[in-house]
C-alpha atoms as a PDB file:
ATOM      1  CA  MET A   1      46.658 -54.734 -18.305  1.00  0.00           C
ATOM      2  CA  TYR A   2      49.485 -52.747 -19.861  1.00  0.00           C
ATOM      3  CA  SER A   3      48.060 -53.294 -23.363  1.00  0.00           C
ATOM      4  CA  ALA A   4      44.650 -51.984 -22.303  1.00  0.00           C
ATOM      5  CA  ARG A   5      46.207 -48.824 -20.899  1.00  0.00           C
ATOM      6  CA  CYS A   6      48.186 -48.271 -24.086  1.00  0.00           C
ATOM      7  CA  ILE A   7      45.114 -48.697 -26.214  1.00  0.00           C
ATOM      8  CA  LEU A   8      43.153 -46.193 -24.048  1.00  0.00           C
ATOM      9  CA  ALA A   9      45.984 -43.643 -24.181  1.00  0.00           C
ATOM     10  CA  LEU A  10      46.274 -43.976 -27.930  1.00  0.00           C
ATOM     11  CA  ALA A  11      42.509 -43.587 -28.298  1.00  0.00           C
ATOM     12  CA  LEU A  12      42.481 -40.415 -26.199  1.00  0.00           C
ATOM     13  CA  PHE A  13      45.451 -39.038 -28.115  1.00  0.00           C
ATOM     14  CA  GLY A  14      43.771 -39.816 -31.393  1.00  0.00           C
ATOM     15  CA  PHE A  15      40.534 -38.098 -30.255  1.00  0.00           C
ATOM     16  CA  ALA A  16      42.429 -34.975 -29.168  1.00  0.00           C
ATOM     17  CA  SER A  17      44.351 -34.906 -32.447  1.00  0.00           C
ATOM     18  CA  ALA A  18      41.149 -35.296 -34.473  1.00  0.00           C
ATOM     19  CA  GLN A  19      39.482 -32.494 -32.505  1.00  0.00           C
ATOM     20  CA  LYS A  20      42.506 -30.265 -33.044  1.00  0.00           C
ATOM     21  CA  GLU A  21      42.487 -31.013 -36.761  1.00  0.00           C
ATOM     22  CA  THR A  22      38.875 -29.863 -37.076  1.00  0.00           C
ATOM     23  CA  GLN A  23      39.922 -26.281 -36.351  1.00  0.00           C
ATOM     24  CA  GLU A  24      40.608 -24.554 -39.648  1.00  0.00           C
ATOM     25  CA  ASP A  25      43.726 -22.461 -40.031  1.00  0.00           C
ATOM     26  CA  PRO A  26      42.646 -18.871 -40.882  1.00  0.00           C
ATOM     27  CA  CYS A  27      45.969 -18.253 -42.626  1.00  0.00           C
ATOM     28  CA  LYS A  28      45.003 -20.834 -45.251  1.00  0.00           C
ATOM     29  CA  LEU A  29      41.682 -19.126 -45.996  1.00  0.00           C
ATOM     30  CA  LYS A  30      41.036 -16.205 -48.312  1.00  0.00           C
ATOM     31  CA  SER A  31      38.996 -14.398 -45.624  1.00  0.00           C
ATOM     32  CA  ARG A  32      41.855 -14.814 -43.093  1.00  0.00           C
ATOM     33  CA  VAL A  33      39.167 -15.270 -40.419  1.00  0.00           C
ATOM     34  CA  VAL A  34      37.328 -18.394 -39.216  1.00  0.00           C
ATOM     35  CA  GLY A  35      35.028 -19.269 -36.324  1.00  0.00           C
ATOM     36  CA  ASP A  36      36.277 -21.430 -33.472  1.00  0.00           C
ATOM     37  CA  ALA A  37      35.390 -25.112 -33.837  1.00  0.00           C
ATOM     38  CA  THR A  38      34.119 -25.421 -30.247  1.00  0.00           C
ATOM     39  CA  TYR A  39      32.921 -22.006 -29.065  1.00  0.00           C
ATOM     40  CA  CYS A  40      30.509 -19.874 -31.086  1.00  0.00           C
ATOM     41  CA  ASP A  41      31.603 -16.622 -29.411  1.00  0.00           C
ATOM     42  CA  ARG A  42      35.250 -17.021 -30.449  1.00  0.00           C
ATOM     43  CA  TYR A  43      37.054 -16.790 -33.758  1.00  0.00           C
ATOM     44  CA  TRP A  44      40.537 -17.081 -35.223  1.00  0.00           C
ATOM     45  CA  GLU A  45      42.205 -14.418 -37.319  1.00  0.00           C
ATOM     46  CA  CYS A  46      45.462 -14.601 -39.265  1.00  0.00           C
ATOM     47  CA  VAL A  47      47.826 -11.916 -37.953  1.00  0.00           C
ATOM     48  CA  HIS A  48      51.313 -11.634 -39.445  1.00  0.00           C
ATOM     49  CA  GLY A  49      51.077 -15.170 -40.743  1.00  0.00           C
ATOM     50  CA  GLN A  50      50.010 -16.670 -37.408  1.00  0.00           C
ATOM     51  CA  PRO A  51      46.487 -17.620 -36.184  1.00  0.00           C
ATOM     52  CA  GLU A  52      45.326 -15.640 -33.160  1.00  0.00           C
ATOM     53  CA  LEU A  53      42.230 -16.312 -31.042  1.00  0.00           C
ATOM     54  CA  TYR A  54      39.678 -13.526 -30.331  1.00  0.00           C
ATOM     55  CA  ASP A  55      36.472 -13.256 -28.304  1.00  0.00           C
ATOM     56  CA  CYS A  56      33.323 -11.573 -29.579  1.00  0.00           C
ATOM     57  CA  PRO A  57      31.945  -8.694 -27.463  1.00  0.00           C
ATOM     58  CA  ASN A  58      30.054 -10.032 -24.452  1.00  0.00           C
ATOM     59  CA  GLY A  59      26.648 -11.327 -25.586  1.00  0.00           C
ATOM     60  CA  LEU A  60      27.519 -11.657 -29.292  1.00  0.00           C
ATOM     61  CA  VAL A  61      28.674 -14.673 -31.323  1.00  0.00           C
ATOM     62  CA  PHE A  62      30.780 -15.018 -34.453  1.00  0.00           C
ATOM     63  CA  ALA A  63      28.851 -14.567 -37.704  1.00  0.00           C
ATOM     64  CA  GLY A  64      31.619 -14.176 -40.276  1.00  0.00           C
ATOM     65  CA  LYS A  65      33.890 -11.528 -41.717  1.00  0.00           C
ATOM     66  CA  ASN A  66      32.055  -8.237 -42.379  1.00  0.00           C
ATOM     67  CA  LYS A  67      28.836  -9.718 -40.979  1.00  0.00           C
ATOM     68  CA  GLY A  68      26.781  -9.194 -37.837  1.00  0.00           C
ATOM     69  CA  VAL A  69      26.440  -5.961 -35.891  1.00  0.00           C
ATOM     70  CA  THR A  70      30.081  -5.346 -34.975  1.00  0.00           C
ATOM     71  CA  GLU A  71      33.507  -6.957 -35.434  1.00  0.00           C
ATOM     72  CA  GLY A  72      32.012  -9.834 -37.413  1.00  0.00           C
ATOM     73  CA  CYS A  73      29.835 -10.799 -34.446  1.00  0.00           C
ATOM     74  CA  ASP A  74      26.046 -10.873 -34.176  1.00  0.00           C
ATOM     75  CA  TYR A  75      23.160 -11.498 -31.767  1.00  0.00           C
ATOM     76  CA  PRO A  76      22.983 -15.286 -31.188  1.00  0.00           C
ATOM     77  CA  TRP A  77      19.222 -15.487 -31.858  1.00  0.00           C
ATOM     78  CA  ARG A  78      19.506 -14.110 -35.396  1.00  0.00           C
ATOM     79  CA  SER A  79      20.702 -17.420 -36.843  1.00  0.00           C
ATOM     80  CA  ASN A  80      21.881 -20.898 -35.879  1.00  0.00           C
ATOM     81  CA  TYR A  81      25.383 -19.681 -35.065  1.00  0.00           C
ATOM     82  CA  CYS A  82      25.712 -21.870 -31.972  1.00  0.00           C
ATOM     83  CA  ASP A  83      24.356 -25.166 -33.316  1.00  0.00           C
ATOM     84  CA  GLY A  84      26.677 -27.887 -32.008  1.00  0.00           C
ATOM     85  CA  LYS A  85      28.740 -25.322 -30.120  1.00  0.00           C
ATOM     86  CA  GLN A  86      28.719 -23.530 -26.787  1.00  0.00           C
ATOM     87  CA  GLN A  87      29.627 -20.076 -25.530  1.00  0.00           C
ATOM     88  CA  ALA A  88      32.987 -19.732 -23.825  1.00  0.00           C
ATOM     89  CA  ASN A  89      32.252 -16.487 -21.990  1.00  0.00           C
ATOM     90  CA  SER A  90      29.894 -15.890 -19.076  1.00  0.00           C
ATOM     91  CA  PRO A  91      27.390 -12.991 -19.172  1.00  0.00           C
ATOM     92  CA  ILE A  92      28.405  -9.599 -17.819  1.00  0.00           C
ATOM     93  CA  SER A  93      25.133  -8.019 -16.698  1.00  0.00           C
ATOM     94  CA  ASN A  94      23.811  -4.804 -15.176  1.00  0.00           C
ATOM     95  CA  GLU A  95      20.384  -3.535 -14.016  1.00  0.00           C
ATOM     96  CA  HIS A  96      18.541  -4.051 -17.323  1.00  0.00           C
ATOM     97  CA  CYS A  97      21.021  -6.014 -19.462  1.00  0.00           C
ATOM     98  CA  GLY A  98      21.655  -9.735 -19.228  1.00  0.00           C
ATOM     99  CA  TRP A  99      24.789  -9.247 -21.364  1.00  0.00           C
ATOM    100  CA  LEU A 100      26.777  -6.160 -22.355  1.00  0.00           C
ATOM    101  CA  TYR A 101      25.284  -6.473 -25.858  1.00  0.00           C
ATOM    102  CA  GLY A 102      21.709  -7.539 -26.486  1.00  0.00           C
ATOM    103  CA  ILE A 103      17.997  -6.710 -26.592  1.00  0.00           C
ATOM    104  CA  PHE A 104      15.955  -7.478 -23.481  1.00  0.00           C
ATOM    105  CA  GLY A 105      12.319  -7.228 -22.402  1.00  0.00           C
ATOM    106  CA  HIS A 106      11.082  -4.554 -19.994  1.00  0.00           C
ATOM    107  CA  GLU A 107      10.371  -5.542 -16.407  1.00  0.00           C
ATOM    108  CA  THR A 108       6.895  -3.966 -16.157  1.00  0.00           C
ATOM    109  CA  SER A 109       5.679  -3.247 -19.701  1.00  0.00           C
ATOM    110  CA  CYS A 110       5.112  -5.275 -22.846  1.00  0.00           C
ATOM    111  CA  THR A 111       5.232  -2.202 -25.085  1.00  0.00           C
ATOM    112  CA  ARG A 112       8.767  -1.282 -23.999  1.00  0.00           C
ATOM    113  CA  TYR A 113      12.161  -3.012 -24.117  1.00  0.00           C
ATOM    114  CA  TRP A 114      15.864  -2.361 -23.520  1.00  0.00           C
ATOM    115  CA  THR A 115      18.711  -2.254 -26.038  1.00  0.00           C
ATOM    116  CA  CYS A 116      22.169  -2.732 -24.544  1.00  0.00           C
ATOM    117  CA  TRP A 117      25.332  -1.727 -26.399  1.00  0.00           C
ATOM    118  CA  ASN A 118      28.600  -2.257 -24.551  1.00  0.00           C
ATOM    119  CA  GLY A 119      26.641  -1.940 -21.305  1.00  0.00           C
ATOM    120  CA  THR A 120      24.901   1.324 -22.253  1.00  0.00           C
ATOM    121  CA  VAL A 121      21.138   0.941 -21.764  1.00  0.00           C
ATOM    122  CA  THR A 122      18.496   2.619 -23.954  1.00  0.00           C
ATOM    123  CA  GLU A 123      14.746   2.273 -23.407  1.00  0.00           C
ATOM    124  CA  GLN A 124      12.782   1.633 -26.608  1.00  0.00           C
ATOM    125  CA  PHE A 125       9.040   1.653 -27.397  1.00  0.00           C
ATOM    126  CA  CYS A 126       6.902  -0.489 -29.671  1.00  0.00           C
ATOM    127  CA  ILE A 127       4.470   1.691 -31.646  1.00  0.00           C
ATOM    128  CA  GLY A 128       1.246   1.094 -33.541  1.00  0.00           C
ATOM    129  CA  GLY A 129      -0.245  -1.247 -30.926  1.00  0.00           C
ATOM    130  CA  LEU A 130       2.652  -3.721 -31.199  1.00  0.00           C
ATOM    131  CA  LEU A 131       4.155  -5.565 -28.217  1.00  0.00           C
ATOM    132  CA  TYR A 132       7.682  -6.736 -27.486  1.00  0.00           C
ATOM    133  CA  ASN A 133       8.150 -10.426 -28.275  1.00  0.00           C
ATOM    134  CA  GLU A 134      10.796 -12.106 -26.100  1.00  0.00           C
ATOM    135  CA  LYS A 135      11.177 -14.975 -28.575  1.00  0.00           C
ATOM    136  CA  THR A 136      11.926 -12.860 -31.635  1.00  0.00           C
ATOM    137  CA  HIS A 137      13.478  -9.928 -29.734  1.00  0.00           C
ATOM    138  CA  SER A 138      11.351  -7.515 -31.758  1.00  0.00           C
ATOM    139  CA  CYS A 139       7.985  -5.738 -31.772  1.00  0.00           C
ATOM    140  CA  ASP A 140       5.179  -8.059 -32.836  1.00  0.00           C
ATOM    141  CA  TRP A 141       1.383  -8.269 -33.153  1.00  0.00           C
ATOM    142  CA  PRO A 142      -0.384  -8.800 -29.785  1.00  0.00           C
ATOM    143  CA  GLU A 143      -1.790 -12.199 -30.813  1.00  0.00           C
ATOM    144  CA  ASN A 144       1.787 -13.489 -31.164  1.00  0.00           C
ATOM    145  CA  VAL A 145       2.807 -12.419 -27.647  1.00  0.00           C
ATOM    146  CA  GLU A 146       1.632 -14.630 -24.783  1.00  0.00           C
ATOM    147  CA  GLY A 147       1.313 -13.822 -21.089  1.00  0.00           C
ATOM    148  CA  CYS A 148       1.736 -10.079 -21.434  1.00  0.00           C
ATOM    149  CA  GLN A 149      -0.261  -8.797 -18.465  1.00  0.00           C
ATOM    150  CA  LYS A 150       2.078  -6.870 -16.218  1.00  0.00           C
ATOM    151  CA  HIS A 151      -0.012  -3.959 -14.856  1.00  0.00           C
ATOM    152  CA  PRO A 152      -2.811  -4.477 -12.288  1.00  0.00           C
ATOM    153  CA  LEU A 153      -5.245  -2.382 -14.365  1.00  0.00           C
ATOM    154  CA  CYS A 154      -4.750  -4.728 -17.295  1.00  0.00           C
ATOM    155  CA  ASN A 155      -4.922  -8.068 -15.507  1.00  0.00           C
ATOM    156  CA  GLU A 156      -8.227  -9.080 -17.111  1.00  0.00           C
ATOM    157  CA  ASP A 157      -7.300  -8.077 -20.651  1.00  0.00           C
ATOM    158  CA  ALA A 158      -3.791  -7.033 -21.652  1.00  0.00           C
ATOM    159  CA  ASN A 159      -5.181  -5.199 -24.702  1.00  0.00           C
ATOM    160  CA  GLY A 160      -8.622  -4.072 -23.498  1.00  0.00           C
ATOM    161  CA  ASN A 161     -10.237  -0.875 -22.190  1.00  0.00           C
ATOM    162  CA  VAL A 162     -10.795  -0.046 -18.519  1.00  0.00           C
ATOM    163  CA  PRO A 163     -13.131   2.665 -17.086  1.00  0.00           C
ATOM    164  CA  LEU A 164     -11.499   5.653 -15.399  1.00  0.00           C
ATOM    165  CA  GLY A 165     -13.493   6.141 -12.195  1.00  0.00           C
ATOM    166  CA  LYS A 166     -16.774   7.929 -12.979  1.00  0.00           C
ATOM    167  CA  SER A 167     -15.419   9.776 -16.008  1.00  0.00           C
ATOM    168  CA  CYS A 168     -17.737   9.811 -19.027  1.00  0.00           C
ATOM    169  CA  ASN A 169     -15.176  10.663 -21.692  1.00  0.00           C
ATOM    170  CA  ARG A 170     -11.835   9.322 -20.453  1.00  0.00           C
ATOM    171  CA  TYR A 171     -10.700   5.733 -19.986  1.00  0.00           C
ATOM    172  CA  TRP A 172      -7.630   3.490 -19.830  1.00  0.00           C
ATOM    173  CA  GLN A 173      -6.562   1.609 -22.941  1.00  0.00           C
ATOM    174  CA  CYS A 174      -4.325  -1.381 -22.179  1.00  0.00           C
ATOM    175  CA  GLN A 175      -1.607  -2.020 -24.722  1.00  0.00           C
ATOM    176  CA  GLY A 176       0.355  -5.136 -23.944  1.00  0.00           C
ATOM    177  CA  GLY A 177      -0.450  -4.943 -20.252  1.00  0.00           C
ATOM    178  CA  TYR A 178       0.457  -1.257 -19.994  1.00  0.00           C
ATOM    179  CA  PRO A 179      -2.396   1.281 -19.538  1.00  0.00           C
ATOM    180  CA  ARG A 180      -2.539   4.532 -21.520  1.00  0.00           C
ATOM    181  CA  LEU A 181      -5.010   7.325 -20.845  1.00  0.00           C
ATOM    182  CA  GLN A 182      -7.428   7.945 -23.724  1.00  0.00           C
ATOM    183  CA  ARG A 183     -10.341  10.301 -24.442  1.00  0.00           C
ATOM    184  CA  CYS A 184     -13.511   9.575 -26.411  1.00  0.00           C
ATOM    185  CA  PRO A 185     -14.108  11.639 -29.576  1.00  0.00           C
ATOM    186  CA  ALA A 186     -16.381  14.685 -29.320  1.00  0.00           C
ATOM    187  CA  MET A 187     -20.038  13.967 -28.490  1.00  0.00           C
ATOM    188  CA  LEU A 188     -19.286  10.356 -27.496  1.00  0.00           C
ATOM    189  CA  VAL A 189     -19.103   8.901 -23.983  1.00  0.00           C
ATOM    190  CA  PHE A 190     -17.386   5.842 -22.571  1.00  0.00           C
ATOM    191  CA  ASP A 191     -19.758   2.977 -21.876  1.00  0.00           C
ATOM    192  CA  ARG A 192     -18.502   0.894 -18.946  1.00  0.00           C
ATOM    193  CA  HIS A 193     -20.533  -2.118 -20.102  1.00  0.00           C
ATOM    194  CA  SER A 194     -19.377  -2.410 -23.707  1.00  0.00           C
ATOM    195  CA  LEU A 195     -16.022  -0.800 -22.763  1.00  0.00           C
ATOM    196  CA  ARG A 196     -15.992   1.497 -25.776  1.00  0.00           C
ATOM    197  CA  CYS A 197     -17.006   5.002 -26.830  1.00  0.00           C
ATOM    198  CA  VAL A 198     -20.690   5.182 -27.831  1.00  0.00           C
ATOM    199  CA  VAL A 199     -23.401   7.686 -28.645  1.00  0.00           C
ATOM    200  CA  PRO A 200     -25.065   8.886 -25.397  1.00  0.00           C
ATOM    201  CA  PRO A 201     -27.030   8.637 -23.279  1.00  0.00           C
ATOM    202  CA  THR A 202     -25.903   5.537 -21.379  1.00  0.00           C
ATOM    203  CA  GLU A 203     -26.807   4.194 -17.969  1.00  0.00           C
ATOM    204  CA  ASP A 204     -24.117   6.356 -16.357  1.00  0.00           C
ATOM    205  CA  CYS A 205     -23.602   9.277 -18.755  1.00  0.00           C
ATOM    206  CA  ASP A 206     -25.941  11.854 -20.293  1.00  0.00           C
ATOM    207  CA  VAL A 207     -25.606  13.739 -23.570  1.00  0.00           C
ATOM    208  CA  PRO A 208     -22.708  16.257 -23.310  1.00  0.00           C
ATOM    209  CA  SER A 209     -23.870  19.862 -23.070  1.00  0.00           C
ATOM    210  CA  THR A 210     -23.526  21.902 -26.253  1.00  0.00           C
ATOM    211  CA  ILE A 211     -25.363  25.102 -25.135  1.00  0.00           C
ATOM    212  CA  PRO A 212     -23.286  28.150 -26.203  1.00  0.00           C
ATOM    213  CA  PRO A 213     -22.520  30.887 -23.659  1.00  0.00           C
ATOM    214  CA  PRO A 214     -25.035  33.818 -23.623  1.00  0.00           C
ATOM    215  CA  LEU A 215     -24.302  36.884 -25.726  1.00  0.00           C
ATOM    216  CA  PRO A 216     -23.196  40.055 -23.858  1.00  0.00           C
ATOM    217  CA  GLN A 217     -26.109  42.386 -23.049  1.00  0.00           C
ATOM    218  CA  ASP A 218     -25.088  45.017 -20.473  1.00  0.00           C
ATOM    219  CA  ASP A 219     -23.123  48.178 -21.177  1.00  0.00           C
ATOM    220  CA  ASP A 220     -19.915  46.977 -19.514  1.00  0.00           C
ATOM    221  CA  GLU A 221     -19.758  43.906 -21.733  1.00  0.00           C
ATOM    222  CA  LEU A 222     -20.486  46.049 -24.793  1.00  0.00           C
ATOM    223  CA  ASP A 223     -17.268  47.951 -24.069  1.00  0.00           C
ATOM    224  CA  ASN A 224     -15.376  44.826 -25.150  1.00  0.00           C
ATOM    225  CA  ILE A 225     -17.031  44.687 -28.612  1.00  0.00           C
ATOM    226  CA  PRO A 226     -15.020  46.242 -31.500  1.00  0.00           C
ATOM    227  CA  GLN A 227     -16.202  49.745 -32.284  1.00  0.00           C
ATOM    228  CA  ASN A 228     -17.169  48.964 -35.852  1.00  0.00           C
ATOM    229  CA  ASN A 229     -19.651  46.366 -34.583  1.00  0.00           C
ATOM    230  CA  PRO A 230     -23.248  47.561 -35.143  1.00  0.00           C
ATOM    231  CA  LYS A 231     -24.118  46.569 -31.543  1.00  0.00           C
ATOM    232  CA  ASN A 232     -21.828  49.287 -30.230  1.00  0.00           C
ATOM    233  CA  LYS A 233     -23.169  52.252 -32.156  1.00  0.00           C
ATOM    234  CA  GLY A 234     -23.348  55.397 -30.071  1.00  0.00           C
ATOM    235  CA  LYS A 235     -20.693  54.205 -27.573  1.00  0.00           C
ATOM    236  CA  GLY A 236     -17.988  56.455 -29.031  1.00  0.00           C
ATOM    237  CA  ASN A 237     -16.335  57.466 -32.263  1.00  0.00           C
ATOM    238  CA  PHE A 238     -12.988  55.890 -33.215  1.00  0.00           C
ATOM    239  CA  PRO A 239     -12.545  56.783 -36.901  1.00  0.00           C
ATOM    240  CA  ASN A 240      -8.847  55.861 -37.079  1.00  0.00           C
ATOM    241  CA  LEU A 241      -9.193  52.235 -35.867  1.00  0.00           C
ATOM    242  CA  PRO A 242      -8.945  49.463 -38.462  1.00  0.00           C
ATOM    243  CA  PRO A 243     -11.924  47.108 -38.826  1.00  0.00           C
ATOM    244  CA  GLY A 244     -12.158  44.642 -35.935  1.00  0.00           C
ATOM    245  CA  ALA A 245      -9.726  46.544 -33.652  1.00  0.00           C
ATOM    246  CA  VAL A 246     -10.556  46.877 -29.940  1.00  0.00           C
ATOM    247  CA  PRO A 247      -9.897  50.386 -28.506  1.00  0.00           C
ATOM    248  CA  ILE A 248      -8.165  50.934 -25.177  1.00  0.00           C
ATOM    249  CA  PRO A 249     -10.751  52.372 -22.747  1.00  0.00           C
ATOM    250  CA  ASP A 250     -10.247  55.739 -21.064  1.00  0.00           C
ATOM    251  CA  LYS A 251      -9.005  55.767 -17.482  1.00  0.00           C
ATOM    252  CA  GLY A 252     -12.403  57.032 -16.381  1.00  0.00           C
ATOM    253  CA  GLN A 253     -14.184  54.028 -17.885  1.00  0.00           C
ATOM    254  CA  ASN A 254     -14.445  50.555 -16.425  1.00  0.00           C
ATOM    255  CA  ARG A 255     -11.841  48.107 -17.720  1.00  0.00           C
ATOM    256  CA  PRO A 256     -13.440  45.528 -20.055  1.00  0.00           C
ATOM    257  CA  ARG A 257     -13.824  42.012 -18.632  1.00  0.00           C
ATOM    258  CA  ASN A 258     -11.954  39.211 -20.407  1.00  0.00           C
END
């Protein structure tokens, strides 16, 4: 019984010694810095000839000296930093950030996301029809982003068009589950069947009116025509006005209508 206990104690001691020996001494390395053997968010640095243990900022893991985004630490999803290791520190979170440092998806939109730097939150936007991809933590093409339907208007198609009431030229365009108000180009109307802008008429919309406003005919409206215009001959003589200038009417005359 005593021999078995001795063997077990020696085995445990040998395992602990072997594990301790796997940790490199940073003071023996040219870089003077080395990652922890067990935890990917910790590293050792040689300070005054002695190894000292440091933690990466909350949410980051050790990448190597002069690497990563700050202090030799990087976002864990950028590489296989944590293969065979674990993180020693628990997340410190706030309203939009799972960790103090990181990039996180928006709660209601697939075209927006949050960047968190030491707990400071900044809202970012994907442009050019791209959506935020939770797997890559970056903006990506819509076909690479699954399940992005977060607004009721866009439930049927996260990247489709939706009619705007009875409007003939405005509509909603869903981009990653988030609707944006759009307008059809001139002389086109929105077709609620094909869900795109088409040449009118359609079942619901006629051809847009292009009739110009009538030309002024009565004397009062002629008062608002420049005096060098041939239509206003005989209405007064203003020899000192430059071409195209509009004279100020006398107090006794009616004020021109705008």
